[in-house]
Amino acid sequence: MSSISNVDQVLAEMRRIAAAAQSSPVETAKTTATGADFSTLLKQSVEQVNSIQQTAGKLSTAFSAGDPNVDVTEVMVALQKAGVAFQAMAEVRNRLVTAYQEIMSMQV
């Protein structure tokens, strides 16, 4: 039953997106102006990755120093999270660079 409700939710979301895409450009511009812009989202994402890496570094340092409150599994999970977050950020950067290069190579 839950998979049917998930499908219904996805279909409802797709219909909402399709309706928004068909709306006038003025309405879309108003929605974009009130929402977060791309640069803000990108900056927040980079700051979040930085925070995850700093936390992992602090846990690693504390474990190396012999802090009894820090478990090795906690350190390993934090380091893996930091690694995955950095890889995801690097992939986003690569995709942005590729998109920029494609746009710049278009003839007007």
N, C-alpha and C. Protein backbone atom coordinates (compact mmCIF):
# COMPACT_ATOMS: atom_id res chain seq x y z
N MET A 1 0.80 -1.19 0.00
CA MET A 1 0.00 0.00 0.00
C MET A 1 0.85 1.27 0.00
N SER A 2 1.98 1.23 0.72
CA SER A 2 2.81 2.43 0.80
C SER A 2 3.43 2.78 -0.54
N SER A 3 3.73 1.77 -1.36
CA SER A 3 4.31 2.07 -2.68
C SER A 3 3.30 2.77 -3.57
N ILE A 4 2.02 2.45 -3.40
CA ILE A 4 0.98 3.13 -4.18
C ILE A 4 0.87 4.59 -3.74
N SER A 5 0.95 4.84 -2.44
CA SER A 5 0.88 6.23 -1.98
C SER A 5 2.12 7.00 -2.41
N ASN A 6 3.28 6.34 -2.45
CA ASN A 6 4.50 7.00 -2.93
C ASN A 6 4.37 7.37 -4.40
N VAL A 7 3.80 6.47 -5.19
CA VAL A 7 3.59 6.74 -6.61
C VAL A 7 2.63 7.91 -6.77
N ASP A 8 1.58 7.91 -5.96
CA ASP A 8 0.62 9.02 -6.02
C ASP A 8 1.28 10.34 -5.66
N GLN A 9 2.17 10.32 -4.67
CA GLN A 9 2.88 11.54 -4.28
C GLN A 9 3.79 12.02 -5.40
N VAL A 10 4.48 11.09 -6.04
CA VAL A 10 5.37 11.45 -7.14
C VAL A 10 4.57 12.03 -8.30
N LEU A 11 3.45 11.39 -8.63
CA LEU A 11 2.61 11.89 -9.71
C LEU A 11 2.05 13.27 -9.39
N ALA A 12 1.64 13.49 -8.16
CA ALA A 12 1.14 14.80 -7.76
C ALA A 12 2.23 15.85 -7.88
N GLU A 13 3.44 15.50 -7.49
CA GLU A 13 4.57 16.44 -7.60
C GLU A 13 4.88 16.74 -9.05
N MET A 14 4.83 15.72 -9.90
CA MET A 14 5.10 15.93 -11.33
C MET A 14 4.03 16.83 -11.95
N ARG A 15 2.78 16.64 -11.54
CA ARG A 15 1.72 17.50 -12.06
C ARG A 15 1.91 18.95 -11.61
N ARG A 16 2.33 19.11 -10.35
CA ARG A 16 2.57 20.47 -9.84
C ARG A 16 3.70 21.14 -10.60
N ILE A 17 4.77 20.39 -10.87
CA ILE A 17 5.91 20.95 -11.61
C ILE A 17 5.50 21.28 -13.03
N ALA A 18 4.71 20.40 -13.66
CA ALA A 18 4.26 20.67 -15.03
C ALA A 18 3.39 21.91 -15.06
N ALA A 19 2.52 22.09 -14.07
CA ALA A 19 1.68 23.28 -14.02
C ALA A 19 2.52 24.54 -13.82
N ALA A 20 3.54 24.44 -12.99
CA ALA A 20 4.42 25.59 -12.77
C ALA A 20 5.21 25.93 -14.03
N ALA A 21 5.60 24.91 -14.78
CA ALA A 21 6.35 25.15 -16.01
C ALA A 21 5.50 25.82 -17.08
N GLN A 22 4.21 25.54 -17.05
CA GLN A 22 3.32 26.14 -18.03
C GLN A 22 2.83 27.52 -17.63
N SER A 23 3.11 27.94 -16.40
CA SER A 23 2.68 29.26 -15.95
C SER A 23 3.47 30.34 -16.68
N SER A 24 3.00 31.56 -16.55
CA SER A 24 3.65 32.66 -17.27
C SER A 24 5.04 32.95 -16.69
N PRO A 25 5.95 33.52 -17.50
CA PRO A 25 7.30 33.83 -17.01
C PRO A 25 7.30 34.83 -15.86
N VAL A 26 6.31 35.70 -15.81
CA VAL A 26 6.25 36.68 -14.72
C VAL A 26 6.03 35.98 -13.40
N GLU A 27 5.14 34.98 -13.37
CA GLU A 27 4.89 34.23 -12.14
C GLU A 27 6.12 33.45 -11.74
N THR A 28 6.82 32.85 -12.69
CA THR A 28 8.03 32.10 -12.40
C THR A 28 9.11 33.01 -11.84
N ALA A 29 9.25 34.21 -12.39
CA ALA A 29 10.25 35.15 -11.90
C ALA A 29 9.94 35.57 -10.47
N LYS A 30 8.69 35.75 -10.16
CA LYS A 30 8.30 36.12 -8.79
C LYS A 30 8.65 35.00 -7.83
N THR A 31 8.40 33.76 -8.23
CA THR A 31 8.72 32.62 -7.38
C THR A 31 10.22 32.52 -7.15
N THR A 32 11.01 32.73 -8.19
CA THR A 32 12.46 32.65 -8.07
C THR A 32 13.00 33.77 -7.19
N ALA A 33 12.41 34.95 -7.31
CA ALA A 33 12.89 36.08 -6.52
C ALA A 33 12.66 35.86 -5.03
N THR A 34 11.57 35.20 -4.67
CA THR A 34 11.30 34.98 -3.25
C THR A 34 12.05 33.77 -2.71
N GLY A 35 12.44 32.83 -3.57
CA GLY A 35 13.17 31.64 -3.13
C GLY A 35 14.65 31.92 -3.05
N ALA A 36 15.39 30.89 -2.59
CA ALA A 36 16.83 31.03 -2.48
C ALA A 36 17.46 30.97 -3.87
N ASP A 37 18.42 31.82 -4.13
CA ASP A 37 19.07 31.79 -5.43
C ASP A 37 20.20 30.75 -5.42
N PHE A 38 20.70 30.45 -6.59
CA PHE A 38 21.67 29.38 -6.77
C PHE A 38 22.95 29.64 -5.99
N SER A 39 23.43 30.87 -6.03
CA SER A 39 24.71 31.17 -5.36
C SER A 39 24.59 30.95 -3.85
N THR A 40 23.45 31.29 -3.28
CA THR A 40 23.25 31.09 -1.85
C THR A 40 23.23 29.60 -1.52
N LEU A 41 22.52 28.82 -2.33
CA LEU A 41 22.47 27.38 -2.11
C LEU A 41 23.85 26.75 -2.25
N LEU A 42 24.61 27.20 -3.25
CA LEU A 42 25.96 26.66 -3.45
C LEU A 42 26.86 27.01 -2.26
N LYS A 43 26.77 28.24 -1.80
CA LYS A 43 27.59 28.66 -0.66
C LYS A 43 27.23 27.86 0.59
N GLN A 44 25.95 27.66 0.83
CA GLN A 44 25.52 26.88 1.99
C GLN A 44 26.01 25.44 1.91
N SER A 45 25.98 24.88 0.71
CA SER A 45 26.45 23.51 0.53
C SER A 45 27.94 23.39 0.81
N VAL A 46 28.73 24.34 0.32
CA VAL A 46 30.17 24.32 0.56
C VAL A 46 30.46 24.48 2.06
N GLU A 47 29.72 25.36 2.71
CA GLU A 47 29.91 25.56 4.15
C GLU A 47 29.54 24.31 4.93
N GLN A 48 28.50 23.61 4.47
CA GLN A 48 28.09 22.38 5.14
C GLN A 48 29.15 21.29 4.98
N VAL A 49 29.72 21.16 3.79
CA VAL A 49 30.79 20.19 3.57
C VAL A 49 32.00 20.54 4.43
N ASN A 50 32.33 21.81 4.51
CA ASN A 50 33.44 22.26 5.35
C ASN A 50 33.19 21.91 6.81
N SER A 51 31.97 22.11 7.27
CA SER A 51 31.63 21.79 8.66
C SER A 51 31.77 20.29 8.92
N ILE A 52 31.32 19.48 7.99
CA ILE A 52 31.43 18.02 8.14
C ILE A 52 32.90 17.61 8.20
N GLN A 53 33.73 18.22 7.35
CA GLN A 53 35.15 17.88 7.35
C GLN A 53 35.83 18.34 8.64
N GLN A 54 35.48 19.50 9.14
CA GLN A 54 36.06 19.97 10.40
C GLN A 54 35.68 19.07 11.56
N THR A 55 34.42 18.65 11.59
CA THR A 55 33.97 17.75 12.65
C THR A 55 34.73 16.43 12.60
N ALA A 56 34.90 15.90 11.41
CA ALA A 56 35.66 14.65 11.26
C ALA A 56 37.10 14.83 11.70
N GLY A 57 37.69 15.96 11.35
CA GLY A 57 39.07 16.24 11.77
C GLY A 57 39.21 16.35 13.27
N LYS A 58 38.25 17.01 13.91
CA LYS A 58 38.29 17.14 15.37
C LYS A 58 38.14 15.79 16.05
N LEU A 59 37.22 14.95 15.53
CA LEU A 59 37.05 13.62 16.11
C LEU A 59 38.30 12.78 15.93
N SER A 60 38.91 12.87 14.77
CA SER A 60 40.13 12.12 14.50
C SER A 60 41.26 12.55 15.44
N THR A 61 41.40 13.85 15.60
CA THR A 61 42.43 14.38 16.50
C THR A 61 42.18 13.95 17.94
N ALA A 62 40.91 14.00 18.36
CA ALA A 62 40.58 13.61 19.73
C ALA A 62 40.85 12.13 19.95
N PHE A 63 40.52 11.31 18.96
CA PHE A 63 40.79 9.88 19.08
C PHE A 63 42.29 9.60 19.13
N SER A 64 43.04 10.30 18.29
CA SER A 64 44.50 10.12 18.27
C SER A 64 45.13 10.56 19.58
N ALA A 65 44.52 11.55 20.23
CA ALA A 65 45.04 12.04 21.50
C ALA A 65 44.66 11.12 22.66
N GLY A 66 43.80 10.12 22.40
CA GLY A 66 43.44 9.17 23.44
C GLY A 66 42.22 9.56 24.24
N ASP A 67 41.36 10.40 23.70
CA ASP A 67 40.12 10.80 24.39
C ASP A 67 39.23 9.58 24.57
N PRO A 68 38.90 9.24 25.82
CA PRO A 68 38.08 8.04 26.06
C PRO A 68 36.62 8.20 25.62
N ASN A 69 36.17 9.42 25.38
CA ASN A 69 34.79 9.66 24.97
C ASN A 69 34.57 9.49 23.47
N VAL A 70 35.65 9.29 22.71
CA VAL A 70 35.54 9.16 21.26
C VAL A 70 35.79 7.72 20.87
N ASP A 71 34.81 7.14 20.18
CA ASP A 71 34.88 5.75 19.75
C ASP A 71 35.44 5.68 18.33
N VAL A 72 36.17 4.61 18.03
CA VAL A 72 36.78 4.46 16.71
C VAL A 72 35.70 4.39 15.62
N THR A 73 34.56 3.77 15.92
CA THR A 73 33.50 3.69 14.91
C THR A 73 32.93 5.07 14.60
N GLU A 74 32.83 5.90 15.62
CA GLU A 74 32.34 7.27 15.42
C GLU A 74 33.30 8.05 14.53
N VAL A 75 34.58 7.86 14.74
CA VAL A 75 35.60 8.54 13.93
C VAL A 75 35.53 8.05 12.49
N MET A 76 35.43 6.75 12.30
CA MET A 76 35.39 6.20 10.94
C MET A 76 34.15 6.64 10.19
N VAL A 77 33.01 6.68 10.85
CA VAL A 77 31.78 7.13 10.20
C VAL A 77 31.90 8.60 9.81
N ALA A 78 32.44 9.41 10.72
CA ALA A 78 32.59 10.84 10.43
C ALA A 78 33.55 11.06 9.25
N LEU A 79 34.63 10.29 9.20
CA LEU A 79 35.58 10.42 8.10
C LEU A 79 34.96 9.97 6.77
N GLN A 80 34.16 8.93 6.80
CA GLN A 80 33.49 8.48 5.58
C GLN A 80 32.46 9.50 5.10
N LYS A 81 31.71 10.09 6.05
CA LYS A 81 30.75 11.14 5.69
C LYS A 81 31.46 12.32 5.06
N ALA A 82 32.59 12.69 5.62
CA ALA A 82 33.35 13.82 5.08
C ALA A 82 33.86 13.49 3.67
N GLY A 83 34.32 12.28 3.48
CA GLY A 83 34.80 11.88 2.17
C GLY A 83 33.70 11.87 1.11
N VAL A 84 32.56 11.33 1.47
CA VAL A 84 31.43 11.28 0.53
C VAL A 84 30.93 12.69 0.23
N ALA A 85 30.84 13.53 1.25
CA ALA A 85 30.38 14.91 1.04
C ALA A 85 31.33 15.66 0.11
N PHE A 86 32.63 15.46 0.30
CA PHE A 86 33.61 16.14 -0.56
C PHE A 86 33.53 15.62 -1.99
N GLN A 87 33.39 14.32 -2.16
CA GLN A 87 33.27 13.75 -3.51
C GLN A 87 32.03 14.27 -4.21
N ALA A 88 30.92 14.38 -3.48
CA ALA A 88 29.69 14.90 -4.08
C ALA A 88 29.87 16.36 -4.49
N MET A 89 30.52 17.15 -3.64
CA MET A 89 30.76 18.55 -3.96
C MET A 89 31.67 18.68 -5.19
N ALA A 90 32.68 17.84 -5.26
CA ALA A 90 33.59 17.87 -6.41
C ALA A 90 32.85 17.48 -7.68
N GLU A 91 31.94 16.52 -7.60
CA GLU A 91 31.17 16.12 -8.78
C GLU A 91 30.24 17.25 -9.23
N VAL A 92 29.64 17.94 -8.30
CA VAL A 92 28.79 19.09 -8.65
C VAL A 92 29.63 20.16 -9.33
N ARG A 93 30.82 20.41 -8.80
CA ARG A 93 31.72 21.39 -9.43
C ARG A 93 32.08 20.97 -10.84
N ASN A 94 32.39 19.70 -11.02
CA ASN A 94 32.74 19.20 -12.36
C ASN A 94 31.58 19.37 -13.33
N ARG A 95 30.37 19.09 -12.86
CA ARG A 95 29.20 19.24 -13.73
C ARG A 95 28.97 20.70 -14.07
N LEU A 96 29.18 21.59 -13.12
CA LEU A 96 29.01 23.02 -13.37
C LEU A 96 30.04 23.52 -14.39
N VAL A 97 31.26 23.06 -14.26
CA VAL A 97 32.31 23.46 -15.20
C VAL A 97 31.98 22.96 -16.60
N THR A 98 31.51 21.72 -16.69
CA THR A 98 31.15 21.16 -17.99
C THR A 98 29.99 21.94 -18.61
N ALA A 99 28.99 22.27 -17.81
CA ALA A 99 27.85 23.04 -18.32
C ALA A 99 28.30 24.43 -18.77
N TYR A 100 29.18 25.05 -18.01
CA TYR A 100 29.70 26.37 -18.38
C TYR A 100 30.46 26.29 -19.71
N GLN A 101 31.29 25.27 -19.86
CA GLN A 101 32.05 25.12 -21.09
C GLN A 101 31.13 24.88 -22.29
N GLU A 102 30.08 24.11 -22.09
CA GLU A 102 29.13 23.88 -23.18
C GLU A 102 28.40 25.17 -23.57
N ILE A 103 28.03 25.95 -22.58
CA ILE A 103 27.34 27.21 -22.87
C ILE A 103 28.28 28.17 -23.58
N MET A 104 29.52 28.22 -23.15
CA MET A 104 30.48 29.14 -23.77
C MET A 104 30.84 28.71 -25.20
N SER A 105 30.71 27.44 -25.51
CA SER A 105 31.05 26.99 -26.85
C SER A 105 29.87 27.11 -27.83
N MET A 106 28.70 27.48 -27.32
CA MET A 106 27.53 27.66 -28.21
C MET A 106 27.72 28.89 -29.08
N GLN A 107 27.28 28.76 -30.31
CA GLN A 107 27.35 29.90 -31.21
C GLN A 107 26.04 30.66 -31.14
N VAL A 108 26.17 31.98 -31.10
CA VAL A 108 24.97 32.81 -30.98
C VAL A 108 24.51 33.28 -32.33
